Protein backbone atom coordinates (compact mmCIF):
# COMPACT_ATOMS: atom_id res chain seq x y z
CA MET A 1 -69.49 -16.46 -4.97
CA ARG A 2 -71.91 -16.42 -7.84
CA TYR A 3 -72.35 -12.64 -7.81
CA GLY A 4 -68.68 -11.70 -8.03
CA GLY A 5 -66.71 -10.79 -11.11
CA ARG A 6 -69.62 -9.91 -13.38
CA VAL A 7 -68.97 -7.15 -15.89
CA ASN A 8 -71.66 -4.52 -15.59
CA THR A 9 -73.03 -3.73 -19.04
CA GLY A 10 -75.87 -1.51 -17.89
CA PHE A 11 -78.61 -1.72 -15.34
CA ARG A 12 -79.85 -5.24 -14.77
CA PRO A 13 -82.12 -4.97 -11.74
CA ALA A 14 -83.33 -8.58 -11.83
CA HIS A 15 -79.70 -9.76 -11.75
CA ARG A 16 -78.95 -7.30 -8.97
CA LEU A 17 -81.80 -8.86 -6.99
CA THR A 18 -80.63 -12.44 -7.56
CA ASP A 19 -77.07 -11.46 -6.60
CA LEU A 20 -78.34 -9.92 -3.35
CA ALA A 21 -80.60 -12.92 -2.70
CA ASN A 22 -77.68 -15.31 -3.27
CA LEU A 23 -75.48 -13.25 -0.94
CA LEU A 24 -78.10 -13.42 1.80
CA HIS A 25 -78.66 -17.12 1.15
CA GLU A 26 -74.94 -17.63 1.71
CA ASP A 27 -74.77 -15.20 4.65
CA PRO A 28 -78.19 -14.18 6.06
CA GLU A 29 -76.57 -11.51 8.23
CA ALA A 30 -74.32 -10.05 5.49
CA ASN A 31 -73.05 -6.72 6.73
CA ASN A 32 -73.44 -3.36 5.04
CA GLU A 33 -70.00 -3.62 3.39
CA ARG A 34 -70.83 -6.89 1.64
CA ILE A 35 -74.22 -5.54 0.52
CA THR A 36 -72.57 -2.33 -0.70
CA ALA A 37 -70.04 -4.42 -2.66
CA VAL A 38 -72.80 -6.33 -4.48
CA LEU A 39 -74.62 -3.08 -5.25
CA ALA A 40 -71.36 -1.61 -6.60
CA VAL A 41 -71.09 -4.47 -9.10
CA HIS A 42 -74.42 -3.21 -10.41
CA GLY A 43 -73.43 0.44 -10.69
CA GLU A 44 -74.57 1.73 -7.31
CA HIS A 45 -71.78 3.78 -5.78
CA ASP A 46 -73.37 5.01 -2.55
CA THR A 47 -72.50 3.25 0.68
CA VAL A 48 -75.20 1.45 2.64
CA ASN A 49 -75.05 1.95 6.40
CA GLU A 50 -75.89 -0.85 8.85
CA GLU A 51 -79.46 0.36 9.50
CA GLU A 52 -80.10 0.55 5.74
CA ALA A 53 -78.52 -2.90 5.35
CA GLU A 54 -81.01 -4.30 7.85
CA ASP A 55 -83.91 -2.85 5.84
CA LEU A 56 -82.36 -4.12 2.59
CA ARG A 57 -81.99 -7.63 4.04
CA ALA A 58 -85.70 -7.60 4.92
CA ALA A 59 -86.62 -6.38 1.41
CA VAL A 60 -84.42 -9.02 -0.24
CA ASN A 61 -85.93 -11.74 1.95
CA ARG A 62 -89.42 -10.63 0.89
CA LEU A 63 -88.39 -10.63 -2.77
CA SER A 64 -86.65 -14.02 -2.40
CA THR A 65 -90.02 -15.69 -1.81
CA LEU A 66 -91.06 -14.23 -5.16
CA LEU A 67 -87.87 -15.54 -6.81
CA ALA A 68 -88.82 -19.04 -5.64
CA GLU A 69 -92.40 -18.70 -6.93
CA THR A 70 -93.35 -21.11 -9.72
CA ASP A 71 -96.99 -20.12 -10.26
CA GLU A 72 -97.34 -17.28 -12.79
CA ASN A 73 -100.66 -16.05 -11.40
CA HIS A 74 -99.39 -15.94 -7.85
CA ALA A 75 -96.18 -14.22 -8.99
CA ALA A 76 -98.23 -11.58 -10.85
CA GLU A 77 -100.36 -10.97 -7.75
CA GLN A 78 -97.28 -10.55 -5.57
CA LEU A 79 -95.62 -8.24 -8.11
CA ASN A 80 -98.75 -6.10 -8.40
CA ALA A 81 -98.95 -5.81 -4.60
CA ILE A 82 -95.31 -4.74 -4.31
CA LEU A 83 -95.66 -2.25 -7.17
CA ALA A 84 -98.86 -0.80 -5.67
CA ALA A 85 -97.17 -0.34 -2.30
CA HIS A 86 -93.72 0.85 -3.40
CA ALA A 87 -93.69 2.18 -6.98
CA ALA A 88 -94.28 5.65 -8.33
CA PRO A 89 -95.05 6.69 -11.91
CA PRO A 90 -92.08 5.71 -14.10
CA ARG A 91 -89.60 8.40 -15.06
CA LEU A 92 -86.36 8.52 -17.01
CA GLU A 93 -83.31 9.82 -15.18
CA ARG A 94 -79.64 10.33 -15.93
CA HIS A 95 -77.30 10.86 -13.00
CA ASP A 96 -73.85 10.03 -11.63
CA GLY A 97 -72.45 9.50 -15.13
CA HIS A 98 -74.99 6.80 -15.99
CA PRO A 99 -76.98 6.83 -19.23
CA TRP A 100 -80.72 7.45 -19.22
CA HIS A 101 -82.56 4.75 -17.31
CA LEU A 102 -85.98 4.14 -15.83
CA HIS A 103 -86.82 4.75 -12.17
CA VAL A 104 -90.06 3.56 -10.60
CA GLU A 105 -89.40 4.25 -6.92
CA PRO A 106 -90.69 7.45 -5.31
CA ARG A 107 -88.21 10.33 -5.23
CA GLY A 108 -86.25 10.21 -1.99
CA ALA A 109 -87.06 6.53 -1.42
CA SER A 110 -85.03 4.53 1.07
CA TRP A 111 -82.70 1.78 -0.17
CA SER A 112 -85.30 -0.88 0.68
CA GLU A 113 -88.18 0.98 -1.04
CA TRP A 114 -85.95 1.52 -4.08
CA LEU A 115 -85.02 -2.16 -4.20
CA LEU A 116 -88.62 -3.35 -3.81
CA ALA A 117 -89.92 -1.03 -6.56
CA ALA A 118 -87.05 -1.54 -9.01
CA SER A 119 -86.92 -5.32 -8.53
CA ALA A 120 -90.68 -5.77 -8.80
CA HIS A 121 -90.66 -3.66 -11.96
CA ALA A 122 -87.84 -5.75 -13.46
CA LEU A 123 -89.53 -9.06 -12.65
CA ALA A 124 -92.90 -7.75 -13.89
CA ARG A 125 -91.28 -6.80 -17.20
CA LEU A 126 -89.76 -10.27 -17.53
CA LEU A 127 -93.11 -11.93 -16.76
CA GLY A 128 -94.92 -9.64 -19.18
CA GLU A 129 -92.37 -9.98 -21.99
CA ARG A 130 -91.91 -13.74 -21.64
CA GLY A 131 -95.46 -14.64 -20.64
CA ARG A 132 -93.95 -16.92 -18.01
CA ILE A 133 -91.78 -16.79 -14.93
CA ALA A 134 -88.24 -16.12 -16.14
CA TRP A 135 -86.38 -16.58 -12.87
CA GLY A 136 -86.09 -19.29 -10.28
CA LYS A 137 -84.28 -21.18 -7.59
CA CYS A 138 -81.97 -23.92 -8.80
CA PRO A 139 -83.26 -27.44 -7.99
CA GLY A 140 -79.88 -29.08 -8.63
CA ASN A 141 -78.64 -31.62 -6.09
CA ARG A 142 -75.41 -29.66 -5.69
CA CYS A 143 -77.42 -26.47 -5.17
CA PRO A 144 -79.55 -27.14 -2.09
CA GLU A 145 -81.82 -24.20 -1.28
CA GLY A 146 -80.63 -22.07 -4.19
CA PRO A 147 -79.02 -20.28 -5.85
CA TYR A 148 -81.46 -17.92 -7.50
CA PHE A 149 -81.08 -17.09 -11.19
CA VAL A 150 -82.61 -15.00 -13.97
CA ASP A 151 -83.53 -16.65 -17.25
CA ASP A 152 -82.85 -13.86 -19.71
CA GLY A 153 -81.46 -15.88 -22.58
CA PRO A 154 -83.16 -17.12 -25.73
CA GLY A 155 -84.58 -20.58 -26.10
CA LEU A 156 -86.41 -22.90 -23.79
CA PRO A 157 -87.15 -21.93 -20.20
CA ARG A 158 -84.18 -22.37 -17.90
CA ARG A 159 -84.52 -24.56 -14.80
CA PHE A 160 -81.00 -24.60 -13.39
CA CYS A 161 -78.53 -21.95 -12.25
CA SER A 162 -75.99 -22.83 -14.96
CA GLN A 163 -75.42 -25.08 -17.96
CA ALA A 164 -72.91 -27.08 -15.91
CA CYS A 165 -75.51 -27.72 -13.21
CA ALA A 166 -78.09 -28.77 -15.81
CA ALA A 167 -75.56 -31.14 -17.42
CA ARG A 168 -74.73 -32.72 -14.03
CA GLU A 169 -78.43 -33.30 -13.38
CA ARG A 170 -78.97 -34.83 -16.85
CA GLN A 171 -75.97 -37.14 -16.35
CA ALA A 172 -77.18 -38.17 -12.89
CA ALA A 173 -80.65 -38.91 -14.30
CA LEU A 174 -79.11 -41.00 -17.10
CA ARG A 175 -77.03 -43.00 -14.60
CA ARG A 176 -80.13 -43.50 -12.42
CA ARG A 177 -82.19 -44.76 -15.39
CA ARG A 178 -79.40 -47.16 -16.39
CA ARG A 179 -79.14 -48.54 -12.84
CA GLU A 180 -82.92 -49.00 -12.73
CA ALA A 181 -82.87 -50.75 -16.10
CA GLY A 182 -80.16 -53.11 -14.79
CA GLU A 183 -77.41 -52.09 -17.19
């Protein structure tokens, strides 16, 4: 599982989204316990019930289409639409032993409204700060239909889910070019 074992070093809502999207890619009907476990990795300690899990699965599926988006303009339009429908004025909060952090969902929002607002805000910040889409769906041959990833590192834009996947693809392309050249 790509979402397991990560050390939480603060709130990383874009990573939380990709972890949930990868869980649902692996198991589209993931139950409330599995969803709660992924949320716990990201500092959420409340339990999600099955009805809330159903709503969260729908929200993650909606956001997954955005994670696969490659056109910046279309991504910005989708983000603006989600923010207009689900976000409230930003506010700083400190609760449950967490440090101060930004909330953009309406007070009393459901899990799905919270996820839509917080994830759209996180992706909008990445798009605004980078000036490009800084997330994606891995095109690697060993990664059919995913996984999703966030490109939050320095350097050139990331295209693959990991350095190992990128290296495999480069090696495969080199072997293909050599075969085509008749070596």
